[in-house]
Amino acid sequence: QVQLVESGGGLVEAGGSLRLSCVFSGDTFTKYRMGWYRQPPEKGREFVAGIWPSGGNTYYSDSVKGRFIISRDNIKNTVYLQMDSVTPDDTAVYYCTAAGITDYWGQGTQVTVSS
């Protein structure tokens, strides 16, 4: 059974940086496209960033493009989200996802950006 465990969330000031990590276990990591979604307070879940199994292709929502970078370490079975120049609009619970024949979600990590 695939498990995803996120970490790295917390409180950060506007303009600051944060790096989220997600450790994958339970299957072959390179079979999965990995991604990050987020759910702001009182809003629906939205796509943030994705990365293909090889790590060569990445894609982003317009709201984070140029500020966030997704990467993966296929030796450590870990996907990262580097968040720079954060704003209060980035406040949300961030979820790691693994997309394959079956999709999996982590439990989420809270990111709060103070103004």
N, C-alpha and C. Protein backbone atom coordinates (compact mmCIF):
# COMPACT_ATOMS: atom_id res chain seq x y z
N GLN A 1 0.84 -1.17 0.00
CA GLN A 1 0.00 0.00 0.00
C GLN A 1 0.89 1.24 0.00
N VAL A 2 0.64 2.13 -0.95
CA VAL A 2 1.42 3.36 -1.03
C VAL A 2 1.10 4.26 0.15
N GLN A 3 2.13 4.83 0.71
CA GLN A 3 1.98 5.85 1.75
C GLN A 3 2.78 7.08 1.38
N LEU A 4 2.21 8.24 1.65
CA LEU A 4 2.85 9.52 1.40
C LEU A 4 2.85 10.30 2.70
N VAL A 5 4.03 10.76 3.11
CA VAL A 5 4.13 11.50 4.36
C VAL A 5 4.79 12.84 4.09
N GLU A 6 4.00 13.91 4.25
CA GLU A 6 4.49 15.26 4.01
C GLU A 6 5.12 15.83 5.29
N SER A 7 6.03 16.76 5.09
CA SER A 7 6.60 17.51 6.19
C SER A 7 7.10 18.84 5.66
N GLY A 8 7.45 19.74 6.59
CA GLY A 8 8.03 21.01 6.20
C GLY A 8 7.11 22.20 6.27
N GLY A 9 5.84 21.97 6.55
CA GLY A 9 4.91 23.09 6.66
C GLY A 9 5.17 23.90 7.92
N GLY A 10 4.51 25.03 8.00
CA GLY A 10 4.66 25.88 9.18
C GLY A 10 4.25 27.29 8.88
N LEU A 11 4.71 28.19 9.75
CA LEU A 11 4.40 29.61 9.63
C LEU A 11 5.59 30.33 9.02
N VAL A 12 5.33 31.15 8.01
CA VAL A 12 6.39 31.90 7.34
C VAL A 12 5.87 33.30 7.04
N GLU A 13 6.75 34.27 7.04
CA GLU A 13 6.36 35.64 6.71
C GLU A 13 6.27 35.82 5.20
N ALA A 14 5.42 36.73 4.79
CA ALA A 14 5.31 37.04 3.37
C ALA A 14 6.69 37.43 2.82
N GLY A 15 6.98 36.92 1.64
CA GLY A 15 8.28 37.16 1.02
C GLY A 15 9.32 36.11 1.36
N GLY A 16 9.01 35.26 2.31
CA GLY A 16 9.94 34.23 2.74
C GLY A 16 9.85 32.96 1.92
N SER A 17 10.54 31.93 2.40
CA SER A 17 10.63 30.66 1.69
C SER A 17 10.34 29.50 2.63
N LEU A 18 9.94 28.41 2.02
CA LEU A 18 9.64 27.18 2.75
C LEU A 18 9.86 26.03 1.78
N ARG A 19 10.32 24.89 2.30
CA ARG A 19 10.45 23.71 1.46
C ARG A 19 9.65 22.57 2.06
N LEU A 20 8.73 22.05 1.27
CA LEU A 20 7.95 20.89 1.68
C LEU A 20 8.60 19.63 1.13
N SER A 21 8.49 18.56 1.91
CA SER A 21 8.99 17.25 1.48
C SER A 21 7.87 16.23 1.59
N CYS A 22 7.94 15.22 0.76
CA CYS A 22 6.97 14.13 0.79
C CYS A 22 7.71 12.82 0.53
N VAL A 23 7.69 11.95 1.52
CA VAL A 23 8.36 10.66 1.38
C VAL A 23 7.36 9.61 0.93
N PHE A 24 7.71 8.90 -0.11
CA PHE A 24 6.86 7.86 -0.73
C PHE A 24 7.35 6.49 -0.29
N SER A 25 6.42 5.58 0.00
CA SER A 25 6.77 4.20 0.30
C SER A 25 5.64 3.27 -0.14
N GLY A 26 5.98 2.00 -0.30
CA GLY A 26 4.96 1.00 -0.58
C GLY A 26 4.88 0.51 -2.02
N ASP A 27 5.63 1.12 -2.91
CA ASP A 27 5.64 0.71 -4.31
C ASP A 27 6.89 1.29 -4.96
N THR A 28 7.00 1.09 -6.29
CA THR A 28 8.14 1.64 -7.02
C THR A 28 7.89 3.10 -7.34
N PHE A 29 8.69 3.96 -6.78
CA PHE A 29 8.48 5.40 -6.87
C PHE A 29 8.42 5.88 -8.32
N THR A 30 9.27 5.33 -9.16
CA THR A 30 9.38 5.83 -10.53
C THR A 30 8.22 5.38 -11.43
N LYS A 31 7.26 4.66 -10.89
CA LYS A 31 6.05 4.34 -11.64
C LYS A 31 5.02 5.46 -11.58
N TYR A 32 5.29 6.49 -10.74
CA TYR A 32 4.28 7.49 -10.43
C TYR A 32 4.70 8.89 -10.85
N ARG A 33 3.74 9.62 -11.43
CA ARG A 33 3.85 11.06 -11.51
C ARG A 33 3.54 11.59 -10.12
N MET A 34 4.30 12.55 -9.66
CA MET A 34 4.10 13.12 -8.34
C MET A 34 3.62 14.56 -8.46
N GLY A 35 2.88 14.98 -7.48
CA GLY A 35 2.37 16.34 -7.55
C GLY A 35 2.06 16.91 -6.18
N TRP A 36 1.76 18.19 -6.20
CA TRP A 36 1.31 18.91 -5.00
C TRP A 36 0.01 19.62 -5.33
N TYR A 37 -0.92 19.50 -4.42
CA TYR A 37 -2.17 20.25 -4.46
C TYR A 37 -2.26 21.04 -3.15
N ARG A 38 -3.18 21.99 -3.12
CA ARG A 38 -3.39 22.73 -1.88
C ARG A 38 -4.87 23.07 -1.73
N GLN A 39 -5.26 23.28 -0.48
CA GLN A 39 -6.63 23.68 -0.18
C GLN A 39 -6.59 24.88 0.74
N PRO A 40 -6.84 26.09 0.21
CA PRO A 40 -6.89 27.29 1.04
C PRO A 40 -8.11 27.23 1.96
N PRO A 41 -8.10 28.04 3.01
CA PRO A 41 -9.24 28.06 3.94
C PRO A 41 -10.55 28.36 3.21
N GLU A 42 -11.55 27.54 3.45
CA GLU A 42 -12.90 27.73 2.92
C GLU A 42 -12.95 27.71 1.40
N LYS A 43 -11.99 27.05 0.77
CA LYS A 43 -11.97 26.93 -0.69
C LYS A 43 -11.75 25.48 -1.08
N GLY A 44 -11.91 25.19 -2.35
CA GLY A 44 -11.69 23.85 -2.84
C GLY A 44 -10.22 23.54 -3.07
N ARG A 45 -9.96 22.29 -3.28
CA ARG A 45 -8.59 21.85 -3.52
C ARG A 45 -8.16 22.26 -4.93
N GLU A 46 -6.91 22.71 -5.07
CA GLU A 46 -6.42 23.17 -6.36
C GLU A 46 -5.04 22.61 -6.65
N PHE A 47 -4.77 22.43 -7.93
CA PHE A 47 -3.47 21.92 -8.38
C PHE A 47 -2.39 22.98 -8.18
N VAL A 48 -1.20 22.55 -7.78
CA VAL A 48 -0.06 23.46 -7.60
C VAL A 48 1.06 23.13 -8.58
N ALA A 49 1.55 21.89 -8.55
CA ALA A 49 2.70 21.54 -9.39
C ALA A 49 2.74 20.03 -9.58
N GLY A 50 3.37 19.61 -10.70
CA GLY A 50 3.52 18.19 -10.97
C GLY A 50 4.85 17.89 -11.60
N ILE A 51 5.26 16.63 -11.50
CA ILE A 51 6.56 16.22 -12.06
C ILE A 51 6.45 14.79 -12.54
N TRP A 52 7.01 14.55 -13.72
CA TRP A 52 6.96 13.22 -14.32
C TRP A 52 7.96 12.28 -13.64
N PRO A 53 7.82 10.99 -13.84
CA PRO A 53 8.66 10.02 -13.11
C PRO A 53 10.15 10.24 -13.25
N SER A 54 10.59 10.64 -14.43
CA SER A 54 12.03 10.84 -14.63
C SER A 54 12.52 12.14 -13.99
N GLY A 55 11.59 13.02 -13.70
CA GLY A 55 11.96 14.34 -13.17
C GLY A 55 12.27 15.36 -14.25
N GLY A 56 12.24 14.93 -15.50
CA GLY A 56 12.61 15.83 -16.58
C GLY A 56 11.54 16.83 -16.96
N ASN A 57 10.30 16.53 -16.70
CA ASN A 57 9.20 17.42 -17.05
C ASN A 57 8.46 17.85 -15.80
N THR A 58 8.25 19.16 -15.69
CA THR A 58 7.50 19.72 -14.58
C THR A 58 6.43 20.66 -15.12
N TYR A 59 5.39 20.87 -14.33
CA TYR A 59 4.34 21.79 -14.74
C TYR A 59 3.74 22.42 -13.49
N TYR A 60 3.22 23.64 -13.68
CA TYR A 60 2.80 24.46 -12.56
C TYR A 60 1.49 25.18 -12.85
N SER A 61 0.78 25.51 -11.79
CA SER A 61 -0.36 26.40 -11.94
C SER A 61 0.18 27.82 -12.20
N ASP A 62 -0.62 28.62 -12.82
CA ASP A 62 -0.19 29.99 -13.11
C ASP A 62 0.08 30.77 -11.83
N SER A 63 -0.63 30.44 -10.76
CA SER A 63 -0.50 31.22 -9.52
C SER A 63 0.85 31.01 -8.83
N VAL A 64 1.56 29.94 -9.14
CA VAL A 64 2.84 29.68 -8.47
C VAL A 64 4.02 29.66 -9.44
N LYS A 65 3.74 29.71 -10.73
CA LYS A 65 4.81 29.63 -11.72
C LYS A 65 5.82 30.76 -11.50
N GLY A 66 7.10 30.41 -11.47
CA GLY A 66 8.14 31.40 -11.25
C GLY A 66 8.50 31.59 -9.79
N ARG A 67 7.69 31.05 -8.88
CA ARG A 67 7.96 31.18 -7.44
C ARG A 67 8.21 29.83 -6.78
N PHE A 68 7.54 28.80 -7.24
CA PHE A 68 7.66 27.46 -6.65
C PHE A 68 8.40 26.55 -7.63
N ILE A 69 9.15 25.60 -7.06
CA ILE A 69 9.83 24.60 -7.88
C ILE A 69 9.57 23.22 -7.28
N ILE A 70 9.10 22.32 -8.14
CA ILE A 70 8.92 20.93 -7.73
C ILE A 70 10.12 20.12 -8.22
N SER A 71 10.56 19.20 -7.39
CA SER A 71 11.66 18.33 -7.77
C SER A 71 11.47 16.98 -7.08
N ARG A 72 12.22 16.00 -7.53
CA ARG A 72 12.12 14.67 -6.92
C ARG A 72 13.50 14.04 -6.87
N ASP A 73 13.68 13.20 -5.87
CA ASP A 73 14.90 12.43 -5.71
C ASP A 73 14.49 10.96 -5.79
N ASN A 74 14.79 10.34 -6.94
CA ASN A 74 14.33 8.97 -7.16
C ASN A 74 15.17 7.93 -6.41
N ILE A 75 16.20 8.37 -5.72
CA ILE A 75 16.95 7.49 -4.82
C ILE A 75 16.34 7.51 -3.44
N LYS A 76 15.95 8.71 -2.99
CA LYS A 76 15.36 8.86 -1.66
C LYS A 76 13.84 8.70 -1.66
N ASN A 77 13.25 8.47 -2.85
CA ASN A 77 11.79 8.32 -2.95
C ASN A 77 11.06 9.52 -2.34
N THR A 78 11.55 10.69 -2.67
CA THR A 78 11.03 11.91 -2.07
C THR A 78 10.75 12.96 -3.15
N VAL A 79 9.65 13.67 -2.97
CA VAL A 79 9.34 14.80 -3.83
C VAL A 79 9.33 16.06 -2.96
N TYR A 80 9.79 17.15 -3.55
CA TYR A 80 9.93 18.40 -2.82
C TYR A 80 9.13 19.51 -3.49
N LEU A 81 8.77 20.49 -2.70
CA LEU A 81 8.20 21.72 -3.24
C LEU A 81 8.92 22.88 -2.58
N GLN A 82 9.77 23.56 -3.35
CA GLN A 82 10.45 24.74 -2.87
C GLN A 82 9.54 25.94 -3.13
N MET A 83 9.19 26.63 -2.07
CA MET A 83 8.26 27.76 -2.16
C MET A 83 9.01 29.03 -1.83
N ASP A 84 9.14 29.92 -2.79
CA ASP A 84 9.82 31.20 -2.60
C ASP A 84 8.85 32.36 -2.81
N SER A 85 9.20 33.50 -2.26
CA SER A 85 8.39 34.72 -2.43
C SER A 85 6.92 34.45 -2.09
N VAL A 86 6.70 33.79 -0.98
CA VAL A 86 5.33 33.41 -0.63
C VAL A 86 4.51 34.64 -0.26
N THR A 87 3.21 34.52 -0.45
CA THR A 87 2.26 35.58 -0.09
C THR A 87 1.16 34.97 0.77
N PRO A 88 0.36 35.81 1.44
CA PRO A 88 -0.74 35.25 2.25
C PRO A 88 -1.70 34.38 1.43
N ASP A 89 -1.78 34.60 0.12
CA ASP A 89 -2.64 33.77 -0.73
C ASP A 89 -2.13 32.33 -0.85
N ASP A 90 -0.90 32.10 -0.45
CA ASP A 90 -0.36 30.74 -0.47
C ASP A 90 -0.72 29.95 0.78
N THR A 91 -1.39 30.58 1.73
CA THR A 91 -1.83 29.89 2.94
C THR A 91 -2.82 28.78 2.58
N ALA A 92 -2.51 27.56 2.99
CA ALA A 92 -3.34 26.41 2.62
C ALA A 92 -2.79 25.16 3.29
N VAL A 93 -3.58 24.10 3.23
CA VAL A 93 -3.06 22.77 3.52
C VAL A 93 -2.53 22.21 2.20
N TYR A 94 -1.29 21.77 2.21
CA TYR A 94 -0.63 21.27 1.00
C TYR A 94 -0.60 19.74 1.04
N TYR A 95 -1.02 19.15 -0.07
CA TYR A 95 -1.11 17.70 -0.17
C TYR A 95 -0.17 17.18 -1.25
N CYS A 96 0.52 16.12 -0.93
CA CYS A 96 1.34 15.41 -1.89
C CYS A 96 0.47 14.35 -2.56
N THR A 97 0.67 14.14 -3.86
CA THR A 97 -0.09 13.11 -4.58
C THR A 97 0.84 12.24 -5.41
N ALA A 98 0.42 11.00 -5.58
CA ALA A 98 1.11 10.06 -6.46
C ALA A 98 0.08 9.54 -7.45
N ALA A 99 0.34 9.78 -8.73
CA ALA A 99 -0.62 9.40 -9.78
C ALA A 99 -0.06 8.25 -10.58
N GLY A 100 -0.78 7.15 -10.56
CA GLY A 100 -0.41 5.99 -11.36
C GLY A 100 -1.68 5.28 -11.78
N ILE A 101 -1.67 3.96 -11.79
CA ILE A 101 -2.91 3.22 -12.07
C ILE A 101 -3.94 3.58 -11.00
N THR A 102 -3.48 3.77 -9.78
CA THR A 102 -4.28 4.29 -8.67
C THR A 102 -3.63 5.56 -8.18
N ASP A 103 -4.46 6.51 -7.77
CA ASP A 103 -3.93 7.76 -7.22
C ASP A 103 -3.94 7.71 -5.69
N TYR A 104 -2.91 8.32 -5.13
CA TYR A 104 -2.78 8.35 -3.66
C TYR A 104 -2.55 9.78 -3.19
N TRP A 105 -2.99 10.05 -1.96
CA TRP A 105 -2.85 11.36 -1.35
C TRP A 105 -2.22 11.23 0.02
N GLY A 106 -1.41 12.24 0.36
CA GLY A 106 -0.90 12.31 1.72
C GLY A 106 -1.92 12.94 2.64
N GLN A 107 -1.52 13.09 3.90
CA GLN A 107 -2.45 13.60 4.91
C GLN A 107 -2.48 15.12 4.93
N GLY A 108 -1.52 15.76 4.29
CA GLY A 108 -1.48 17.22 4.21
C GLY A 108 -0.60 17.85 5.26
N THR A 109 -0.05 19.01 4.91
CA THR A 109 0.74 19.79 5.85
C THR A 109 0.32 21.25 5.72
N GLN A 110 0.15 21.90 6.86
CA GLN A 110 -0.36 23.27 6.87
C GLN A 110 0.76 24.27 6.60
N VAL A 111 0.50 25.19 5.68
CA VAL A 111 1.40 26.31 5.43
C VAL A 111 0.61 27.59 5.68
N THR A 112 1.13 28.43 6.57
CA THR A 112 0.49 29.69 6.88
C THR A 112 1.48 30.82 6.61
N VAL A 113 1.06 31.78 5.78
CA VAL A 113 1.90 32.91 5.43
C VAL A 113 1.33 34.15 6.08
N SER A 114 2.13 34.78 6.93
CA SER A 114 1.68 36.00 7.62
C SER A 114 2.06 37.23 6.81
N SER A 115 1.20 38.23 6.88
CA SER A 115 1.46 39.46 6.12
C SER A 115 2.25 40.47 6.93
